Amino acid sequence: MNKDPYYDRPEISNSDLSWLKNTLTGQVDRPINMQALNFGNLVDAIITEISQVDFLNYRAQGIQFDRDDFQKAKAMIKELRKSSIAPIVFGARYQSIFIKQLQIVHEGHRFVLPVRCKYDFINGNIGGDLKTTSAHDRHSFMNAIDKWDIDRQRAFYMDISGLNRDVIVGMSKKTHEVYIVPIRRGDNLYERGKNKYQYLAYEWYHRFGTAQVKRESLLT
């Protein structure tokens, strides 16, 4: 299957900010759990991009899985369909792209960056993101939101799209429990995420201006 051209666009994404954070903290070479990443993409694809899924051959978005992966993904999605967030998730439009010249303020410094984002789903005035997780309860999932900067991603997306409401939908790979974490512009989760992205956006602008850089580039 062809690579999504969205990922070749020149605007700065949340993934670019993650790369910069990892570079600044000396974690740029930290190994990525590709199995967990690919499984999350499988669940996302079944819900939001079903045309990219080959159920007969256990493939999704060009990646080969096995029967157990598909069975587990289907079981987790079955539980999601039973949850209170199901009407919003399954009645949404998927994979909406936003591109913007975003005005950012960090410690009195004002600047503009060309940015982009792609939502898993949007339903009315609510945007959202689907996350598979190893968390075994809501408390551990909330800790994961901070650890993996999901709050930063959501605030960044909200400011690019202009949406005032968002929701993180966590699906536990261990218990199949669904964790629903709503966000509103101005609440604590939004403000924490915004502070994170504003700092990294400033560091990006200070080093690279408005240009996207290759991930293998070295900071000097």
N, C-alpha and C. Protein backbone atom coordinates (compact mmCIF):
# COMPACT_ATOMS: atom_id res chain seq x y z
N MET A 1 0.83 -1.19 0.00
CA MET A 1 0.00 0.00 0.00
C MET A 1 0.88 1.25 0.00
N ASN A 2 0.43 2.30 -0.62
CA ASN A 2 1.22 3.51 -0.75
C ASN A 2 1.28 4.27 0.57
N LYS A 3 2.42 4.90 0.80
CA LYS A 3 2.57 5.74 1.97
C LYS A 3 1.65 6.94 1.88
N ASP A 4 1.04 7.30 3.01
CA ASP A 4 0.15 8.44 3.06
C ASP A 4 0.95 9.72 2.77
N PRO A 5 0.60 10.49 1.72
CA PRO A 5 1.36 11.70 1.39
C PRO A 5 1.31 12.76 2.48
N TYR A 6 0.36 12.64 3.40
CA TYR A 6 0.29 13.59 4.52
C TYR A 6 1.63 13.66 5.25
N TYR A 7 2.29 12.51 5.41
CA TYR A 7 3.51 12.47 6.20
C TYR A 7 4.71 13.07 5.47
N ASP A 8 4.56 13.38 4.21
CA ASP A 8 5.62 14.04 3.47
C ASP A 8 5.43 15.56 3.40
N ARG A 9 4.37 16.05 4.01
CA ARG A 9 4.12 17.50 3.97
C ARG A 9 5.20 18.24 4.76
N PRO A 10 5.45 19.51 4.42
CA PRO A 10 6.55 20.24 5.05
C PRO A 10 6.23 20.87 6.40
N GLU A 11 4.94 20.97 6.75
CA GLU A 11 4.62 21.62 8.02
C GLU A 11 5.09 20.78 9.20
N ILE A 12 5.24 21.44 10.34
CA ILE A 12 5.74 20.81 11.55
C ILE A 12 4.60 20.08 12.26
N SER A 13 4.86 18.85 12.65
CA SER A 13 3.84 18.01 13.28
C SER A 13 4.19 17.75 14.74
N ASN A 14 3.26 17.14 15.44
CA ASN A 14 3.52 16.74 16.81
C ASN A 14 4.66 15.73 16.88
N SER A 15 4.78 14.87 15.89
CA SER A 15 5.88 13.91 15.85
C SER A 15 7.23 14.62 15.74
N ASP A 16 7.27 15.74 14.99
CA ASP A 16 8.49 16.53 14.91
C ASP A 16 8.87 17.08 16.28
N LEU A 17 7.87 17.54 17.04
CA LEU A 17 8.14 18.06 18.38
C LEU A 17 8.63 16.94 19.29
N SER A 18 8.10 15.73 19.12
CA SER A 18 8.58 14.59 19.91
C SER A 18 10.03 14.29 19.58
N TRP A 19 10.36 14.33 18.28
CA TRP A 19 11.75 14.11 17.88
C TRP A 19 12.67 15.14 18.53
N LEU A 20 12.24 16.40 18.54
CA LEU A 20 13.07 17.44 19.13
C LEU A 20 13.23 17.21 20.63
N LYS A 21 12.15 16.87 21.31
CA LYS A 21 12.25 16.60 22.75
C LYS A 21 13.24 15.46 23.02
N ASN A 22 13.13 14.38 22.26
CA ASN A 22 14.02 13.24 22.46
C ASN A 22 15.47 13.61 22.17
N THR A 23 15.68 14.48 21.19
CA THR A 23 17.03 14.93 20.87
C THR A 23 17.59 15.79 21.99
N LEU A 24 16.79 16.71 22.49
CA LEU A 24 17.24 17.60 23.56
C LEU A 24 17.53 16.84 24.85
N THR A 25 16.81 15.76 25.08
CA THR A 25 16.98 14.99 26.32
C THR A 25 17.89 13.77 26.15
N GLY A 26 18.51 13.65 24.97
CA GLY A 26 19.43 12.55 24.74
C GLY A 26 18.77 11.21 24.56
N GLN A 27 17.49 11.22 24.14
CA GLN A 27 16.77 9.96 23.98
C GLN A 27 16.43 9.68 22.51
N VAL A 28 17.09 10.37 21.60
CA VAL A 28 16.73 10.23 20.19
C VAL A 28 16.97 8.81 19.68
N ASP A 29 17.90 8.09 20.30
CA ASP A 29 18.20 6.72 19.87
C ASP A 29 17.46 5.68 20.70
N ARG A 30 16.53 6.13 21.55
CA ARG A 30 15.77 5.19 22.37
C ARG A 30 14.97 4.26 21.46
N PRO A 31 15.06 2.94 21.68
CA PRO A 31 14.36 2.01 20.79
C PRO A 31 12.85 2.18 20.86
N ILE A 32 12.21 2.02 19.71
CA ILE A 32 10.75 2.13 19.61
C ILE A 32 10.14 0.74 19.66
N ASN A 33 9.11 0.58 20.44
CA ASN A 33 8.39 -0.70 20.50
C ASN A 33 7.50 -0.80 19.27
N MET A 34 8.07 -1.33 18.19
CA MET A 34 7.34 -1.37 16.92
C MET A 34 6.13 -2.29 16.99
N GLN A 35 6.21 -3.33 17.79
CA GLN A 35 5.07 -4.23 17.90
C GLN A 35 3.86 -3.51 18.49
N ALA A 36 4.09 -2.74 19.56
CA ALA A 36 3.01 -1.98 20.18
C ALA A 36 2.51 -0.89 19.24
N LEU A 37 3.44 -0.21 18.55
CA LEU A 37 3.06 0.85 17.62
C LEU A 37 2.22 0.29 16.48
N ASN A 38 2.67 -0.83 15.91
CA ASN A 38 1.93 -1.42 14.79
C ASN A 38 0.56 -1.91 15.22
N PHE A 39 0.47 -2.48 16.42
CA PHE A 39 -0.83 -2.96 16.89
C PHE A 39 -1.79 -1.79 17.08
N GLY A 40 -1.31 -0.69 17.63
CA GLY A 40 -2.15 0.50 17.77
C GLY A 40 -2.64 1.00 16.42
N ASN A 41 -1.74 0.96 15.42
CA ASN A 41 -2.14 1.37 14.07
C ASN A 41 -3.18 0.43 13.49
N LEU A 42 -3.09 -0.86 13.83
CA LEU A 42 -4.08 -1.82 13.36
C LEU A 42 -5.46 -1.49 13.91
N VAL A 43 -5.55 -1.24 15.20
CA VAL A 43 -6.84 -0.90 15.82
C VAL A 43 -7.40 0.39 15.21
N ASP A 44 -6.54 1.41 15.07
CA ASP A 44 -6.96 2.66 14.45
C ASP A 44 -7.50 2.43 13.03
N ALA A 45 -6.79 1.61 12.28
CA ALA A 45 -7.17 1.38 10.89
C ALA A 45 -8.52 0.67 10.79
N ILE A 46 -8.76 -0.30 11.63
CA ILE A 46 -10.04 -1.01 11.59
C ILE A 46 -11.20 -0.06 11.86
N ILE A 47 -10.96 0.91 12.74
CA ILE A 47 -12.03 1.85 13.09
C ILE A 47 -12.12 3.00 12.09
N THR A 48 -10.98 3.58 11.72
CA THR A 48 -11.01 4.84 10.98
C THR A 48 -10.59 4.76 9.52
N GLU A 49 -9.93 3.68 9.11
CA GLU A 49 -9.47 3.54 7.72
C GLU A 49 -9.63 2.09 7.27
N ILE A 50 -10.84 1.61 7.31
CA ILE A 50 -11.07 0.18 7.07
C ILE A 50 -10.67 -0.23 5.65
N SER A 51 -10.61 0.73 4.73
CA SER A 51 -10.18 0.40 3.37
C SER A 51 -8.72 -0.02 3.33
N GLN A 52 -7.96 0.30 4.39
CA GLN A 52 -6.55 -0.05 4.47
C GLN A 52 -6.33 -1.40 5.15
N VAL A 53 -7.42 -2.13 5.42
CA VAL A 53 -7.32 -3.38 6.17
C VAL A 53 -7.71 -4.56 5.28
N ASP A 54 -6.86 -5.57 5.26
CA ASP A 54 -7.11 -6.81 4.53
C ASP A 54 -7.38 -7.90 5.57
N PHE A 55 -8.67 -8.12 5.86
CA PHE A 55 -9.04 -9.07 6.91
C PHE A 55 -8.71 -10.51 6.51
N LEU A 56 -8.72 -10.80 5.24
CA LEU A 56 -8.47 -12.16 4.78
C LEU A 56 -7.02 -12.58 5.00
N ASN A 57 -6.09 -11.64 4.73
CA ASN A 57 -4.66 -11.94 4.82
C ASN A 57 -3.98 -11.34 6.04
N TYR A 58 -4.78 -10.76 6.94
CA TYR A 58 -4.27 -10.19 8.19
C TYR A 58 -3.21 -9.12 7.94
N ARG A 59 -3.54 -8.18 7.06
CA ARG A 59 -2.66 -7.07 6.77
C ARG A 59 -3.42 -5.76 6.96
N ALA A 60 -2.67 -4.74 7.37
CA ALA A 60 -3.26 -3.40 7.50
C ALA A 60 -2.19 -2.37 7.25
N GLN A 61 -2.50 -1.41 6.39
CA GLN A 61 -1.57 -0.33 6.07
C GLN A 61 -0.20 -0.87 5.66
N GLY A 62 -0.22 -1.99 4.91
CA GLY A 62 1.00 -2.57 4.40
C GLY A 62 1.80 -3.39 5.39
N ILE A 63 1.28 -3.59 6.60
CA ILE A 63 1.99 -4.33 7.64
C ILE A 63 1.34 -5.70 7.83
N GLN A 64 2.15 -6.73 7.95
CA GLN A 64 1.64 -8.08 8.16
C GLN A 64 1.43 -8.36 9.65
N PHE A 65 0.24 -8.83 9.99
CA PHE A 65 -0.08 -9.23 11.36
C PHE A 65 -0.39 -10.72 11.35
N ASP A 66 -0.79 -11.25 12.50
CA ASP A 66 -1.25 -12.63 12.54
C ASP A 66 -2.69 -12.67 13.02
N ARG A 67 -3.26 -13.84 13.01
CA ARG A 67 -4.67 -14.00 13.36
C ARG A 67 -4.94 -13.54 14.79
N ASP A 68 -4.01 -13.81 15.71
CA ASP A 68 -4.21 -13.41 17.10
C ASP A 68 -4.29 -11.89 17.24
N ASP A 69 -3.46 -11.17 16.49
CA ASP A 69 -3.51 -9.70 16.52
C ASP A 69 -4.89 -9.21 16.11
N PHE A 70 -5.42 -9.76 15.02
CA PHE A 70 -6.73 -9.33 14.54
C PHE A 70 -7.83 -9.71 15.53
N GLN A 71 -7.73 -10.86 16.13
CA GLN A 71 -8.74 -11.29 17.10
C GLN A 71 -8.72 -10.37 18.33
N LYS A 72 -7.53 -10.04 18.79
CA LYS A 72 -7.42 -9.14 19.95
C LYS A 72 -7.95 -7.75 19.61
N ALA A 73 -7.60 -7.24 18.43
CA ALA A 73 -8.09 -5.91 18.02
C ALA A 73 -9.61 -5.90 17.95
N LYS A 74 -10.19 -6.95 17.38
CA LYS A 74 -11.65 -7.03 17.26
C LYS A 74 -12.31 -7.08 18.63
N ALA A 75 -11.70 -7.81 19.58
CA ALA A 75 -12.26 -7.89 20.93
C ALA A 75 -12.23 -6.54 21.63
N MET A 76 -11.14 -5.80 21.44
CA MET A 76 -11.05 -4.47 22.05
C MET A 76 -12.06 -3.51 21.44
N ILE A 77 -12.24 -3.58 20.13
CA ILE A 77 -13.20 -2.70 19.46
C ILE A 77 -14.63 -3.07 19.87
N LYS A 78 -14.87 -4.35 20.11
CA LYS A 78 -16.19 -4.79 20.58
C LYS A 78 -16.53 -4.13 21.91
N GLU A 79 -15.54 -4.05 22.81
CA GLU A 79 -15.77 -3.38 24.10
C GLU A 79 -15.96 -1.89 23.90
N LEU A 80 -15.23 -1.30 22.97
CA LEU A 80 -15.41 0.12 22.68
C LEU A 80 -16.83 0.40 22.22
N ARG A 81 -17.40 -0.48 21.43
CA ARG A 81 -18.77 -0.30 20.94
C ARG A 81 -19.80 -0.33 22.07
N LYS A 82 -19.44 -0.94 23.20
CA LYS A 82 -20.35 -1.01 24.34
C LYS A 82 -20.24 0.21 25.25
N SER A 83 -19.21 1.04 25.04
CA SER A 83 -18.93 2.14 25.95
C SER A 83 -19.80 3.36 25.65
N SER A 84 -19.80 4.30 26.57
CA SER A 84 -20.63 5.51 26.42
C SER A 84 -20.10 6.42 25.32
N ILE A 85 -18.82 6.28 24.95
CA ILE A 85 -18.24 7.14 23.91
C ILE A 85 -18.51 6.60 22.52
N ALA A 86 -19.06 5.39 22.41
CA ALA A 86 -19.24 4.74 21.11
C ALA A 86 -20.01 5.59 20.10
N PRO A 87 -21.13 6.24 20.46
CA PRO A 87 -21.84 7.03 19.45
C PRO A 87 -20.99 8.15 18.85
N ILE A 88 -20.09 8.72 19.64
CA ILE A 88 -19.23 9.79 19.13
C ILE A 88 -18.15 9.21 18.22
N VAL A 89 -17.52 8.11 18.64
CA VAL A 89 -16.44 7.52 17.85
C VAL A 89 -16.96 6.94 16.53
N PHE A 90 -18.02 6.15 16.61
CA PHE A 90 -18.48 5.43 15.42
C PHE A 90 -19.43 6.25 14.55
N GLY A 91 -19.81 7.43 15.04
CA GLY A 91 -20.62 8.32 14.22
C GLY A 91 -19.83 9.50 13.69
N ALA A 92 -18.51 9.41 13.78
CA ALA A 92 -17.64 10.54 13.44
C ALA A 92 -17.17 10.49 12.00
N ARG A 93 -16.53 11.57 11.57
CA ARG A 93 -15.74 11.53 10.34
C ARG A 93 -14.30 11.31 10.76
N TYR A 94 -13.57 10.60 9.92
CA TYR A 94 -12.25 10.14 10.32
C TYR A 94 -11.14 10.78 9.50
N GLN A 95 -9.95 10.83 10.13
CA GLN A 95 -8.71 11.23 9.46
C GLN A 95 -8.80 12.64 8.85
N SER A 96 -9.34 13.58 9.61
CA SER A 96 -9.43 14.97 9.15
C SER A 96 -8.09 15.67 9.33
N ILE A 97 -7.65 16.37 8.30
CA ILE A 97 -6.36 17.05 8.30
C ILE A 97 -6.56 18.55 8.46
N PHE A 98 -5.72 19.16 9.30
CA PHE A 98 -5.72 20.62 9.47
C PHE A 98 -4.30 21.13 9.27
N ILE A 99 -4.19 22.26 8.57
CA ILE A 99 -2.90 22.91 8.31
C ILE A 99 -3.07 24.39 8.66
N LYS A 100 -2.11 24.94 9.37
CA LYS A 100 -2.29 26.31 9.87
C LYS A 100 -0.96 27.00 10.10
N GLN A 101 -0.96 28.31 9.96
CA GLN A 101 0.13 29.14 10.45
C GLN A 101 -0.23 29.49 11.90
N LEU A 102 0.37 28.80 12.83
CA LEU A 102 -0.05 28.91 14.23
C LEU A 102 0.76 29.96 14.97
N GLN A 103 0.07 30.92 15.56
CA GLN A 103 0.71 31.93 16.39
C GLN A 103 0.95 31.35 17.78
N ILE A 104 2.18 31.44 18.24
CA ILE A 104 2.57 30.82 19.51
C ILE A 104 3.26 31.86 20.38
N VAL A 105 3.02 31.79 21.67
CA VAL A 105 3.68 32.67 22.64
C VAL A 105 4.35 31.80 23.69
N HIS A 106 5.64 32.02 23.90
CA HIS A 106 6.36 31.31 24.96
C HIS A 106 7.23 32.30 25.70
N GLU A 107 6.92 32.49 26.99
CA GLU A 107 7.68 33.40 27.85
C GLU A 107 7.89 34.76 27.19
N GLY A 108 6.82 35.29 26.63
CA GLY A 108 6.86 36.61 26.03
C GLY A 108 7.34 36.66 24.59
N HIS A 109 7.83 35.56 24.07
CA HIS A 109 8.29 35.51 22.68
C HIS A 109 7.13 35.09 21.78
N ARG A 110 6.83 35.90 20.77
CA ARG A 110 5.75 35.61 19.84
C ARG A 110 6.35 35.22 18.48
N PHE A 111 5.81 34.17 17.92
CA PHE A 111 6.30 33.70 16.62
C PHE A 111 5.21 32.86 15.97
N VAL A 112 5.44 32.54 14.70
CA VAL A 112 4.48 31.76 13.93
C VAL A 112 5.18 30.56 13.32
N LEU A 113 4.55 29.39 13.41
CA LEU A 113 5.08 28.19 12.78
C LEU A 113 4.02 27.57 11.87
N PRO A 114 4.44 27.04 10.72
CA PRO A 114 3.52 26.27 9.88
C PRO A 114 3.37 24.87 10.47
N VAL A 115 2.16 24.49 10.80
CA VAL A 115 1.94 23.24 11.53
C VAL A 115 0.82 22.43 10.87
N ARG A 116 0.77 21.15 11.22
CA ARG A 116 -0.27 20.27 10.67
C ARG A 116 -0.65 19.21 11.70
N CYS A 117 -1.83 18.66 11.52
CA CYS A 117 -2.26 17.54 12.36
C CYS A 117 -3.31 16.73 11.61
N LYS A 118 -3.45 15.50 12.03
CA LYS A 118 -4.49 14.63 11.47
C LYS A 118 -5.23 13.97 12.62
N TYR A 119 -6.51 14.27 12.71
CA TYR A 119 -7.34 13.70 13.78
C TYR A 119 -7.74 12.27 13.46
N ASP A 120 -7.81 11.42 14.50
CA ASP A 120 -8.43 10.11 14.33
C ASP A 120 -9.91 10.28 13.99
N PHE A 121 -10.58 11.14 14.77
CA PHE A 121 -12.01 11.34 14.51
C PHE A 121 -12.46 12.72 14.99
N ILE A 122 -13.50 13.22 14.33
CA ILE A 122 -14.18 14.45 14.74
C ILE A 122 -15.68 14.22 14.62
N ASN A 123 -16.39 14.54 15.67
CA ASN A 123 -17.85 14.42 15.66
C ASN A 123 -18.42 15.75 16.15
N GLY A 124 -19.00 16.52 15.24
CA GLY A 124 -19.50 17.84 15.62
C GLY A 124 -18.35 18.74 16.04
N ASN A 125 -18.41 19.22 17.28
CA ASN A 125 -17.35 20.12 17.77
C ASN A 125 -16.38 19.40 18.70
N ILE A 126 -16.38 18.06 18.65
CA ILE A 126 -15.50 17.27 19.50
C ILE A 126 -14.51 16.50 18.64
N GLY A 127 -13.23 16.71 18.87
CA GLY A 127 -12.20 15.92 18.22
C GLY A 127 -11.71 14.86 19.18
N GLY A 128 -11.01 13.85 18.63
CA GLY A 128 -10.55 12.82 19.54
C GLY A 128 -9.45 11.95 18.97
N ASP A 129 -8.86 11.18 19.88
CA ASP A 129 -7.74 10.32 19.54
C ASP A 129 -7.94 8.95 20.19
N LEU A 130 -7.64 7.90 19.44
CA LEU A 130 -7.73 6.53 19.93
C LEU A 130 -6.34 6.07 20.34
N LYS A 131 -6.22 5.52 21.55
CA LYS A 131 -4.93 5.04 22.04
C LYS A 131 -5.09 3.63 22.60
N THR A 132 -4.34 2.68 22.06
CA THR A 132 -4.22 1.40 22.73
C THR A 132 -3.17 1.55 23.82
N THR A 133 -3.36 0.86 24.93
CA THR A 133 -2.51 1.08 26.08
C THR A 133 -2.29 -0.20 26.85
N SER A 134 -1.15 -0.29 27.52
CA SER A 134 -0.87 -1.39 28.42
C SER A 134 -1.36 -1.10 29.84
N ALA A 135 -1.97 0.06 30.04
CA ALA A 135 -2.49 0.43 31.36
C ALA A 135 -3.54 -0.59 31.82
N HIS A 136 -3.50 -0.87 33.12
CA HIS A 136 -4.45 -1.84 33.67
C HIS A 136 -5.59 -1.18 34.46
N ASP A 137 -5.50 0.14 34.63
CA ASP A 137 -6.60 0.87 35.26
C ASP A 137 -6.51 2.33 34.83
N ARG A 138 -7.53 3.13 35.23
CA ARG A 138 -7.60 4.52 34.78
C ARG A 138 -6.42 5.33 35.30
N HIS A 139 -6.01 5.07 36.54
CA HIS A 139 -4.90 5.82 37.13
C HIS A 139 -3.63 5.64 36.31
N SER A 140 -3.33 4.41 35.94
CA SER A 140 -2.11 4.18 35.16
C SER A 140 -2.23 4.77 33.76
N PHE A 141 -3.45 4.82 33.23
CA PHE A 141 -3.62 5.45 31.92
C PHE A 141 -3.40 6.96 32.02
N MET A 142 -3.88 7.59 33.09
CA MET A 142 -3.65 9.02 33.26
C MET A 142 -2.15 9.31 33.39
N ASN A 143 -1.42 8.44 34.06
CA ASN A 143 0.03 8.60 34.14
C ASN A 143 0.67 8.48 32.77
N ALA A 144 0.15 7.56 31.95
CA ALA A 144 0.68 7.38 30.60
C ALA A 144 0.44 8.61 29.73
N ILE A 145 -0.68 9.30 29.94
CA ILE A 145 -0.98 10.51 29.18
C ILE A 145 0.12 11.55 29.40
N ASP A 146 0.58 11.68 30.64
CA ASP A 146 1.66 12.62 30.94
C ASP A 146 3.00 12.09 30.43
N LYS A 147 3.29 10.82 30.69
CA LYS A 147 4.58 10.25 30.31
C LYS A 147 4.82 10.32 28.80
N TRP A 148 3.82 10.00 28.01
CA TRP A 148 3.96 9.95 26.56
C TRP A 148 3.49 11.23 25.88
N ASP A 149 3.24 12.27 26.66
CA ASP A 149 2.89 13.60 26.13
C ASP A 149 1.64 13.57 25.25
N ILE A 150 0.68 12.74 25.61
CA ILE A 150 -0.58 12.74 24.87
C ILE A 150 -1.33 14.05 25.12
N ASP A 151 -1.17 14.62 26.30
CA ASP A 151 -1.77 15.92 26.59
C ASP A 151 -1.22 16.99 25.65
N ARG A 152 0.09 16.92 25.39
CA ARG A 152 0.71 17.88 24.46
C ARG A 152 0.11 17.73 23.06
N GLN A 153 -0.03 16.49 22.61
CA GLN A 153 -0.60 16.24 21.29
C GLN A 153 -2.01 16.83 21.18
N ARG A 154 -2.81 16.59 22.22
CA ARG A 154 -4.21 17.03 22.14
C ARG A 154 -4.32 18.56 22.17
N ALA A 155 -3.55 19.22 23.01
CA ALA A 155 -3.59 20.69 23.04
C ALA A 155 -3.09 21.27 21.72
N PHE A 156 -2.05 20.68 21.16
CA PHE A 156 -1.51 21.10 19.87
C PHE A 156 -2.58 20.96 18.79
N TYR A 157 -3.25 19.82 18.75
CA TYR A 157 -4.31 19.60 17.76
C TYR A 157 -5.45 20.59 17.94
N MET A 158 -5.86 20.81 19.18
CA MET A 158 -6.96 21.74 19.44
C MET A 158 -6.63 23.14 18.96
N ASP A 159 -5.39 23.57 19.17
CA ASP A 159 -5.01 24.92 18.75
C ASP A 159 -4.85 25.02 17.24
N ILE A 160 -4.50 23.94 16.59
CA ILE A 160 -4.42 23.96 15.12
C ILE A 160 -5.83 23.97 14.52
N SER A 161 -6.71 23.14 15.04
CA SER A 161 -8.06 23.01 14.47
C SER A 161 -9.02 24.09 14.94
N GLY A 162 -8.76 24.65 16.13
CA GLY A 162 -9.69 25.61 16.71
C GLY A 162 -10.80 24.97 17.51
N LEU A 163 -10.82 23.66 17.61
CA LEU A 163 -11.84 22.98 18.40
C LEU A 163 -11.60 23.20 19.89
N ASN A 164 -12.67 23.36 20.64
CA ASN A 164 -12.56 23.63 22.07
C ASN A 164 -12.75 22.40 22.94
N ARG A 165 -13.13 21.29 22.31
CA ARG A 165 -13.35 20.06 23.07
C ARG A 165 -12.62 18.90 22.40
N ASP A 166 -12.14 18.01 23.23
CA ASP A 166 -11.39 16.87 22.74
C ASP A 166 -11.62 15.70 23.69
N VAL A 167 -11.30 14.50 23.22
CA VAL A 167 -11.41 13.34 24.09
C VAL A 167 -10.33 12.32 23.72
N ILE A 168 -9.67 11.82 24.73
CA ILE A 168 -8.72 10.72 24.56
C ILE A 168 -9.45 9.44 24.91
N VAL A 169 -9.43 8.49 24.00
CA VAL A 169 -10.10 7.21 24.23
C VAL A 169 -9.03 6.13 24.34
N GLY A 170 -8.80 5.67 25.56
CA GLY A 170 -7.82 4.62 25.79
C GLY A 170 -8.48 3.25 25.79
N MET A 171 -7.83 2.28 25.15
CA MET A 171 -8.33 0.91 25.10
C MET A 171 -7.25 -0.01 25.65
N SER A 172 -7.52 -0.62 26.79
CA SER A 172 -6.52 -1.45 27.45
C SER A 172 -6.32 -2.77 26.72
N LYS A 173 -5.06 -3.06 26.41
CA LYS A 173 -4.73 -4.34 25.80
C LYS A 173 -4.77 -5.46 26.83
N LYS A 174 -4.73 -5.10 28.11
CA LYS A 174 -4.72 -6.11 29.17
C LYS A 174 -6.13 -6.49 29.61
N THR A 175 -6.97 -5.49 29.84
CA THR A 175 -8.30 -5.76 30.38
C THR A 175 -9.43 -5.49 29.40
N HIS A 176 -9.11 -4.83 28.29
CA HIS A 176 -10.07 -4.37 27.27
C HIS A 176 -11.00 -3.27 27.81
N GLU A 177 -10.67 -2.74 28.99
CA GLU A 177 -11.44 -1.63 29.54
C GLU A 177 -11.21 -0.38 28.68
N VAL A 178 -12.22 0.48 28.61
CA VAL A 178 -12.14 1.71 27.84
C VAL A 178 -12.05 2.89 28.82
N TYR A 179 -11.03 3.72 28.63
CA TYR A 179 -10.82 4.90 29.47
C TYR A 179 -11.15 6.15 28.66
N ILE A 180 -12.10 6.92 29.13
CA ILE A 180 -12.55 8.11 28.41
C ILE A 180 -12.06 9.34 29.17
N VAL A 181 -11.22 10.15 28.51
CA VAL A 181 -10.63 11.32 29.16
C VAL A 181 -10.99 12.56 28.35
N PRO A 182 -12.03 13.30 28.77
CA PRO A 182 -12.41 14.51 28.04
C PRO A 182 -11.48 15.67 28.35
N ILE A 183 -11.33 16.56 27.39
CA ILE A 183 -10.51 17.76 27.55
C ILE A 183 -11.31 18.95 27.05
N ARG A 184 -11.25 20.03 27.77
CA ARG A 184 -11.83 21.30 27.33
C ARG A 184 -10.76 22.36 27.31
N ARG A 185 -10.86 23.25 26.35
CA ARG A 185 -9.90 24.35 26.27
C ARG A 185 -9.90 25.12 27.60
N GLY A 186 -8.72 25.28 28.18
CA GLY A 186 -8.59 26.01 29.42
C GLY A 186 -8.52 25.13 30.66
N ASP A 187 -8.85 23.84 30.54
CA ASP A 187 -8.77 23.00 31.74
C ASP A 187 -7.32 22.58 32.00
N ASN A 188 -7.10 21.89 33.11
CA ASN A 188 -5.73 21.59 33.54
C ASN A 188 -4.98 20.73 32.53
N LEU A 189 -5.66 19.73 31.96
CA LEU A 189 -5.00 18.85 31.01
C LEU A 189 -4.59 19.61 29.75
N TYR A 190 -5.50 20.47 29.27
CA TYR A 190 -5.19 21.30 28.10
C TYR A 190 -4.02 22.23 28.38
N GLU A 191 -4.06 22.90 29.52
CA GLU A 191 -3.00 23.87 29.83
C GLU A 191 -1.65 23.18 30.01
N ARG A 192 -1.64 22.01 30.61
CA ARG A 192 -0.38 21.28 30.75
C ARG A 192 0.18 20.90 29.39
N GLY A 193 -0.68 20.41 28.53
CA GLY A 193 -0.24 20.05 27.18
C GLY A 193 0.21 21.25 26.37
N LYS A 194 -0.50 22.36 26.53
CA LYS A 194 -0.13 23.58 25.79
C LYS A 194 1.24 24.09 26.22
N ASN A 195 1.50 24.07 27.51
CA ASN A 195 2.81 24.51 27.99
C ASN A 195 3.92 23.65 27.41
N LYS A 196 3.66 22.34 27.31
CA LYS A 196 4.66 21.43 26.74
C LYS A 196 4.95 21.77 25.28
N TYR A 197 3.89 21.95 24.48
CA TYR A 197 4.15 22.18 23.05
C TYR A 197 4.70 23.57 22.79
N GLN A 198 4.29 24.57 23.59
CA GLN A 198 4.82 25.91 23.38
C GLN A 198 6.33 25.95 23.62
N TYR A 199 6.79 25.26 24.64
CA TYR A 199 8.22 25.21 24.92
C TYR A 199 8.97 24.56 23.75
N LEU A 200 8.50 23.42 23.27
CA LEU A 200 9.18 22.73 22.18
C LEU A 200 9.08 23.52 20.88
N ALA A 201 7.93 24.17 20.65
CA ALA A 201 7.78 24.99 19.45
C ALA A 201 8.78 26.15 19.47
N TYR A 202 8.98 26.74 20.64
CA TYR A 202 9.96 27.82 20.74
C TYR A 202 11.37 27.30 20.46
N GLU A 203 11.70 26.15 21.03
CA GLU A 203 13.01 25.56 20.79
C GLU A 203 13.20 25.25 19.30
N TRP A 204 12.14 24.78 18.66
CA TRP A 204 12.21 24.50 17.22
C TRP A 204 12.47 25.79 16.44
N TYR A 205 11.67 26.81 16.74
CA TYR A 205 11.79 28.09 16.02
C TYR A 205 13.17 28.71 16.24
N HIS A 206 13.68 28.59 17.47
CA HIS A 206 14.98 29.17 17.80
C HIS A 206 16.10 28.49 17.00
N ARG A 207 15.96 27.18 16.77
CA ARG A 207 17.01 26.43 16.09
C ARG A 207 16.84 26.35 14.57
N PHE A 208 15.60 26.18 14.13
CA PHE A 208 15.36 25.88 12.73
C PHE A 208 14.49 26.90 12.00
N GLY A 209 13.98 27.90 12.71
CA GLY A 209 13.04 28.82 12.07
C GLY A 209 11.74 28.10 11.75
N THR A 210 11.23 28.33 10.55
CA THR A 210 9.95 27.74 10.17
C THR A 210 10.13 26.48 9.33
N ALA A 211 11.35 26.00 9.20
CA ALA A 211 11.62 24.86 8.32
C ALA A 211 11.43 23.53 9.04
N GLN A 212 10.95 22.55 8.30
CA GLN A 212 10.98 21.19 8.79
C GLN A 212 12.39 20.64 8.52
N VAL A 213 12.90 19.83 9.43
CA VAL A 213 14.24 19.28 9.25
C VAL A 213 14.17 17.76 9.21
N LYS A 214 15.18 17.16 8.63
CA LYS A 214 15.25 15.71 8.62
C LYS A 214 15.55 15.21 10.03
N ARG A 215 14.88 14.12 10.42
CA ARG A 215 15.02 13.63 11.78
C ARG A 215 16.46 13.26 12.12
N GLU A 216 17.24 12.86 11.11
CA GLU A 216 18.60 12.45 11.40
C GLU A 216 19.55 13.63 11.58
N SER A 217 19.02 14.87 11.37
CA SER A 217 19.87 16.05 11.55
C SER A 217 20.35 16.15 12.99
N LEU A 218 21.54 16.69 13.17
CA LEU A 218 22.09 16.86 14.50
C LEU A 218 21.93 18.30 14.93
N LEU A 219 21.56 18.50 16.19
CA LEU A 219 21.48 19.85 16.75
C LEU A 219 22.89 20.34 17.07
N THR A 220 23.11 21.62 16.83
CA THR A 220 24.41 22.20 17.15
C THR A 220 24.22 23.43 18.01
